[in-house]
Amino acid sequence: GDIRTLVDWENYTTAETGNARFRGLFNNDKKLISAPALPATKLATSCYARMFISCSSLTEAPELPATTLSDHCYSSMFQNCTSLATAPKLPATELAEYCYEGMFINCTSLITGPKLPATTLAKSCYYEMFRRCTSLVTAPELPATTLAPNCYEYMFAECSKLVNVPESLPVTELAD
């Protein structure tokens, strides 16, 4: 179904979710195999953080069309989703602090990361994003030209099968 039915079940197609918080909604649901639609394009702080954490039967991520992100909006969203094999598209080009932090930690079936089109990063935006993704073979291109503190820190830590990495980093402005 559509996540907006939780906000207004009678008029869900027009329900405003810009301030909705679904943090940890399906936390540790071992039987969840498919996710609801998440059509919001503008996200609130921590709105989807930890939403599917430890949903070990989840095999497919929902589409994530948001292009206006907020701090921690996707933090640890799919952490420990050990059956998730494909990452959703992440179309945002303007990032917020910690927005993708730990998003796929321990997604041990994930083989390829999503495209990451942002060229200007925010503090800790990709921090531990793919940590312990032990099946990850191909890293996404990293087109950023302006970094922020801790933006790439531990991004691919403990990715033991990672063999395809970006050939170059076009970054022109460094950060801590």
C-alpha atoms as a PDB file:
ATOM      1  CA  GLY A   1       0.000   0.000   0.000  1.00  0.00           C
ATOM      2  CA  ASP A   2       0.825   3.671   0.238  1.00  0.00           C
ATOM      3  CA  ILE A   3       2.418   5.042   3.406  1.00  0.00           C
ATOM      4  CA  ARG A   4       0.193   8.133   3.150  1.00  0.00           C
ATOM      5  CA  THR A   5      -2.791   6.060   4.315  1.00  0.00           C
ATOM      6  CA  LEU A   6      -1.318   6.314   7.810  1.00  0.00           C
ATOM      7  CA  VAL A   7      -1.630  10.101   7.631  1.00  0.00           C
ATOM      8  CA  ASP A   8      -5.112  10.306   6.049  1.00  0.00           C
ATOM      9  CA  TRP A   9      -6.615   7.004   4.976  1.00  0.00           C
ATOM     10  CA  GLU A  10      -9.617   8.580   3.228  1.00  0.00           C
ATOM     11  CA  ASN A  11      -7.686  11.176   1.217  1.00  0.00           C
ATOM     12  CA  TYR A  12      -4.266   9.568   1.093  1.00  0.00           C
ATOM     13  CA  THR A  13      -3.421  10.628  -2.470  1.00  0.00           C
ATOM     14  CA  THR A  14      -3.394  14.262  -1.369  1.00  0.00           C
ATOM     15  CA  ALA A  15      -2.094  13.713   2.167  1.00  0.00           C
ATOM     16  CA  GLU A  16       0.858  15.952   3.016  1.00  0.00           C
ATOM     17  CA  THR A  17       3.801  13.975   4.400  1.00  0.00           C
ATOM     18  CA  GLY A  18       6.391  16.754   4.484  1.00  0.00           C
ATOM     19  CA  ASN A  19       6.376  16.717   8.293  1.00  0.00           C
ATOM     20  CA  ALA A  20       5.557  13.030   8.777  1.00  0.00           C
ATOM     21  CA  ARG A  21       7.886  10.883  10.849  1.00  0.00           C
ATOM     22  CA  PHE A  22       7.909   7.137  10.155  1.00  0.00           C
ATOM     23  CA  ARG A  23      11.143   6.470  12.059  1.00  0.00           C
ATOM     24  CA  GLY A  24      11.462   2.804  13.026  1.00  0.00           C
ATOM     25  CA  LEU A  25       7.956   1.974  11.778  1.00  0.00           C
ATOM     26  CA  PHE A  26       8.756  -1.601  10.712  1.00  0.00           C
ATOM     27  CA  ASN A  27      11.707  -2.100  13.072  1.00  0.00           C
ATOM     28  CA  ASN A  28      12.683  -5.780  13.327  1.00  0.00           C
ATOM     29  CA  ASP A  29       9.688  -7.061  11.323  1.00  0.00           C
ATOM     30  CA  LYS A  30      11.141 -10.379  10.148  1.00  0.00           C
ATOM     31  CA  LYS A  31       8.096 -11.220   7.962  1.00  0.00           C
ATOM     32  CA  LEU A  32       7.930  -8.004   5.931  1.00  0.00           C
ATOM     33  CA  ILE A  33       8.825  -8.892   2.323  1.00  0.00           C
ATOM     34  CA  SER A  34       7.632  -5.775   0.493  1.00  0.00           C
ATOM     35  CA  ALA A  35       7.590  -2.137   1.475  1.00  0.00           C
ATOM     36  CA  PRO A  36       4.823   0.436   1.142  1.00  0.00           C
ATOM     37  CA  ALA A  37       5.067   3.191  -1.455  1.00  0.00           C
ATOM     38  CA  LEU A  38       7.005   6.226  -0.189  1.00  0.00           C
ATOM     39  CA  PRO A  39       6.071   8.909  -2.749  1.00  0.00           C
ATOM     40  CA  ALA A  40       7.206  12.006  -0.812  1.00  0.00           C
ATOM     41  CA  THR A  41       9.624  14.279  -2.649  1.00  0.00           C
ATOM     42  CA  LYS A  42      10.370  16.512   0.353  1.00  0.00           C
ATOM     43  CA  LEU A  43      11.464  14.815   3.574  1.00  0.00           C
ATOM     44  CA  ALA A  44      11.397  15.864   7.218  1.00  0.00           C
ATOM     45  CA  THR A  45      14.236  15.331   9.677  1.00  0.00           C
ATOM     46  CA  SER A  46      14.621  11.600  10.496  1.00  0.00           C
ATOM     47  CA  CYS A  47      11.356  10.806   8.681  1.00  0.00           C
ATOM     48  CA  TYR A  48      12.447   7.416   7.274  1.00  0.00           C
ATOM     49  CA  ALA A  49      15.352   6.739   9.630  1.00  0.00           C
ATOM     50  CA  ARG A  50      15.518   3.134  10.811  1.00  0.00           C
ATOM     51  CA  MET A  51      12.197   2.486   9.049  1.00  0.00           C
ATOM     52  CA  PHE A  52      13.070  -1.042   7.902  1.00  0.00           C
ATOM     53  CA  ILE A  53      15.946  -1.802  10.273  1.00  0.00           C
ATOM     54  CA  SER A  54      16.423  -5.569  10.693  1.00  0.00           C
ATOM     55  CA  CYS A  55      13.621  -6.473   8.261  1.00  0.00           C
ATOM     56  CA  SER A  56      15.598  -9.506   7.189  1.00  0.00           C
ATOM     57  CA  SER A  57      12.986 -10.786   4.674  1.00  0.00           C
ATOM     58  CA  LEU A  58      12.685  -7.498   2.771  1.00  0.00           C
ATOM     59  CA  THR A  59      13.930  -8.257  -0.740  1.00  0.00           C
ATOM     60  CA  GLU A  60      13.028  -5.064  -2.598  1.00  0.00           C
ATOM     61  CA  ALA A  61      13.306  -1.478  -1.486  1.00  0.00           C
ATOM     62  CA  PRO A  62      10.552   1.017  -2.278  1.00  0.00           C
ATOM     63  CA  GLU A  63      11.168   3.819  -4.758  1.00  0.00           C
ATOM     64  CA  LEU A  64      12.651   6.855  -3.032  1.00  0.00           C
ATOM     65  CA  PRO A  65      11.865   9.845  -5.288  1.00  0.00           C
ATOM     66  CA  ALA A  66      12.726  12.533  -2.731  1.00  0.00           C
ATOM     67  CA  THR A  67      14.957  15.304  -3.980  1.00  0.00           C
ATOM     68  CA  THR A  68      14.647  17.601  -0.961  1.00  0.00           C
ATOM     69  CA  LEU A  69      16.317  15.878   1.968  1.00  0.00           C
ATOM     70  CA  SER A  70      16.593  16.718   5.666  1.00  0.00           C
ATOM     71  CA  ASP A  71      19.101  15.720   8.318  1.00  0.00           C
ATOM     72  CA  HIS A  72      19.082  11.973   9.083  1.00  0.00           C
ATOM     73  CA  CYS A  73      16.107  11.387   6.724  1.00  0.00           C
ATOM     74  CA  TYR A  74      17.355   7.969   5.518  1.00  0.00           C
ATOM     75  CA  SER A  75      19.763   7.117   8.371  1.00  0.00           C
ATOM     76  CA  SER A  76      19.986   3.335   8.853  1.00  0.00           C
ATOM     77  CA  MET A  77      16.797   2.911   6.817  1.00  0.00           C
ATOM     78  CA  PHE A  78      17.713  -0.591   5.580  1.00  0.00           C
ATOM     79  CA  GLN A  79      20.313  -1.582   8.172  1.00  0.00           C
ATOM     80  CA  ASN A  80      20.423  -5.375   8.622  1.00  0.00           C
ATOM     81  CA  CYS A  81      18.053  -6.005   5.694  1.00  0.00           C
ATOM     82  CA  THR A  82      20.072  -9.066   4.800  1.00  0.00           C
ATOM     83  CA  SER A  83      17.823 -10.138   1.874  1.00  0.00           C
ATOM     84  CA  LEU A  84      17.902  -6.761   0.104  1.00  0.00           C
ATOM     85  CA  ALA A  85      19.768  -7.352  -3.164  1.00  0.00           C
ATOM     86  CA  THR A  86      19.126  -4.098  -5.032  1.00  0.00           C
ATOM     87  CA  ALA A  87      19.400  -0.577  -3.703  1.00  0.00           C
ATOM     88  CA  PRO A  88      16.752   2.003  -4.623  1.00  0.00           C
ATOM     89  CA  LYS A  89      17.593   4.959  -6.862  1.00  0.00           C
ATOM     90  CA  LEU A  90      18.648   8.011  -4.877  1.00  0.00           C
ATOM     91  CA  PRO A  91      18.000  11.012  -7.159  1.00  0.00           C
ATOM     92  CA  ALA A  92      18.775  13.843  -4.716  1.00  0.00           C
ATOM     93  CA  THR A  93      21.541  16.173  -5.808  1.00  0.00           C
ATOM     94  CA  GLU A  94      21.442  18.398  -2.708  1.00  0.00           C
ATOM     95  CA  LEU A  95      22.202  16.482   0.455  1.00  0.00           C
ATOM     96  CA  ALA A  96      21.582  17.124   4.143  1.00  0.00           C
ATOM     97  CA  GLU A  97      23.735  16.212   7.122  1.00  0.00           C
ATOM     98  CA  TYR A  98      23.735  12.476   7.874  1.00  0.00           C
ATOM     99  CA  CYS A  99      21.016  11.949   5.217  1.00  0.00           C
ATOM    100  CA  TYR A 100      22.300   8.544   3.997  1.00  0.00           C
ATOM    101  CA  GLU A 101      24.289   7.657   7.123  1.00  0.00           C
ATOM    102  CA  GLY A 102      24.362   3.874   7.591  1.00  0.00           C
ATOM    103  CA  MET A 103      21.527   3.434   5.102  1.00  0.00           C
ATOM    104  CA  PHE A 104      22.626  -0.062   4.003  1.00  0.00           C
ATOM    105  CA  ILE A 105      24.794  -1.259   6.916  1.00  0.00           C
ATOM    106  CA  ASN A 106      24.980  -5.050   6.937  1.00  0.00           C
ATOM    107  CA  CYS A 107      22.861  -5.525   3.811  1.00  0.00           C
ATOM    108  CA  THR A 108      24.802  -8.668   3.069  1.00  0.00           C
ATOM    109  CA  SER A 109      22.963  -9.474  -0.210  1.00  0.00           C
ATOM    110  CA  LEU A 110      23.512  -6.035  -1.776  1.00  0.00           C
ATOM    111  CA  ILE A 111      25.788  -6.377  -4.826  1.00  0.00           C
ATOM    112  CA  THR A 112      25.745  -2.888  -6.381  1.00  0.00           C
ATOM    113  CA  GLY A 113      25.237   0.496  -4.803  1.00  0.00           C
ATOM    114  CA  PRO A 114      22.883   3.133  -6.246  1.00  0.00           C
ATOM    115  CA  LYS A 115      24.038   6.109  -8.305  1.00  0.00           C
ATOM    116  CA  LEU A 116      24.990   9.009  -6.074  1.00  0.00           C
ATOM    117  CA  PRO A 117      24.589  12.112  -8.279  1.00  0.00           C
ATOM    118  CA  ALA A 118      25.334  14.856  -5.720  1.00  0.00           C
ATOM    119  CA  THR A 119      28.376  17.010  -6.444  1.00  0.00           C
ATOM    120  CA  THR A 120      28.343  18.976  -3.177  1.00  0.00           C
ATOM    121  CA  LEU A 121      28.210  16.849  -0.045  1.00  0.00           C
ATOM    122  CA  ALA A 122      27.020  17.532   3.499  1.00  0.00           C
ATOM    123  CA  LYS A 123      28.525  16.559   6.842  1.00  0.00           C
ATOM    124  CA  SER A 124      28.576  12.763   7.296  1.00  0.00           C
ATOM    125  CA  CYS A 125      26.075  12.335   4.441  1.00  0.00           C
ATOM    126  CA  TYR A 126      27.509   8.953   3.341  1.00  0.00           C
ATOM    127  CA  TYR A 127      29.004   7.961   6.705  1.00  0.00           C
ATOM    128  CA  GLU A 128      29.028   4.111   6.950  1.00  0.00           C
ATOM    129  CA  MET A 129      26.506   3.935   4.099  1.00  0.00           C
ATOM    130  CA  PHE A 130      27.590   0.458   2.919  1.00  0.00           C
ATOM    131  CA  ARG A 131      29.472  -0.821   5.986  1.00  0.00           C
ATOM    132  CA  ARG A 132      29.542  -4.639   6.159  1.00  0.00           C
ATOM    133  CA  CYS A 133      27.826  -5.070   2.778  1.00  0.00           C
ATOM    134  CA  THR A 134      29.841  -8.218   2.294  1.00  0.00           C
ATOM    135  CA  SER A 135      28.428  -8.997  -1.177  1.00  0.00           C
ATOM    136  CA  LEU A 136      28.986  -5.496  -2.547  1.00  0.00           C
ATOM    137  CA  VAL A 137      31.180  -5.894  -5.628  1.00  0.00           C
ATOM    138  CA  THR A 138      30.688  -2.554  -7.350  1.00  0.00           C
ATOM    139  CA  ALA A 139      30.906   0.829  -5.673  1.00  0.00           C
ATOM    140  CA  PRO A 140      28.920   3.716  -7.121  1.00  0.00           C
ATOM    141  CA  GLU A 141      30.734   6.524  -8.906  1.00  0.00           C
ATOM    142  CA  LEU A 142      31.509   9.398  -6.557  1.00  0.00           C
ATOM    143  CA  PRO A 143      31.107  12.565  -8.677  1.00  0.00           C
ATOM    144  CA  ALA A 144      31.320  15.048  -5.796  1.00  0.00           C
ATOM    145  CA  THR A 145      33.601  18.017  -6.320  1.00  0.00           C
ATOM    146  CA  THR A 146      33.024  19.572  -2.882  1.00  0.00           C
ATOM    147  CA  LEU A 147      33.333  17.438   0.230  1.00  0.00           C
ATOM    148  CA  ALA A 148      32.165  18.046   3.806  1.00  0.00           C
ATOM    149  CA  PRO A 149      33.508  16.750   7.129  1.00  0.00           C
ATOM    150  CA  ASN A 150      33.283  12.971   7.441  1.00  0.00           C
ATOM    151  CA  CYS A 151      31.208  12.650   4.258  1.00  0.00           C
ATOM    152  CA  TYR A 152      32.913   9.436   3.046  1.00  0.00           C
ATOM    153  CA  GLU A 153      34.082   8.131   6.431  1.00  0.00           C
ATOM    154  CA  TYR A 154      33.763   4.324   6.663  1.00  0.00           C
ATOM    155  CA  MET A 155      31.500   4.359   3.599  1.00  0.00           C
ATOM    156  CA  PHE A 156      32.821   0.975   2.401  1.00  0.00           C
ATOM    157  CA  ALA A 157      34.259  -0.381   5.663  1.00  0.00           C
ATOM    158  CA  GLU A 158      34.285  -4.184   5.825  1.00  0.00           C
ATOM    159  CA  CYS A 159      33.030  -4.607   2.244  1.00  0.00           C
ATOM    160  CA  SER A 160      35.203  -7.651   1.723  1.00  0.00           C
ATOM    161  CA  LYS A 161      34.208  -8.382  -1.929  1.00  0.00           C
ATOM    162  CA  LEU A 162      34.448  -4.843  -3.278  1.00  0.00           C
ATOM    163  CA  VAL A 163      36.526  -5.006  -6.465  1.00  0.00           C
ATOM    164  CA  ASN A 164      35.050  -2.319  -8.744  1.00  0.00           C
ATOM    165  CA  VAL A 165      35.740   1.136  -7.383  1.00  0.00           C
ATOM    166  CA  PRO A 166      35.612   4.575  -9.008  1.00  0.00           C
ATOM    167  CA  GLU A 167      38.630   5.172 -11.242  1.00  0.00           C
ATOM    168  CA  SER A 168      38.975   8.741 -10.075  1.00  0.00           C
ATOM    169  CA  LEU A 169      37.571  11.174  -7.586  1.00  0.00           C
ATOM    170  CA  PRO A 170      36.894  14.535  -9.254  1.00  0.00           C
ATOM    171  CA  VAL A 171      36.882  16.345  -5.913  1.00  0.00           C
ATOM    172  CA  THR A 172      38.324  19.868  -6.041  1.00  0.00           C
ATOM    173  CA  GLU A 173      37.524  20.979  -2.479  1.00  0.00           C
ATOM    174  CA  LEU A 174      38.527  18.763   0.446  1.00  0.00           C
ATOM    175  CA  ALA A 175      37.202  18.626   4.017  1.00  0.00           C
ATOM    176  CA  ASP A 176      38.066  16.811   7.252  1.00  0.00           C
END
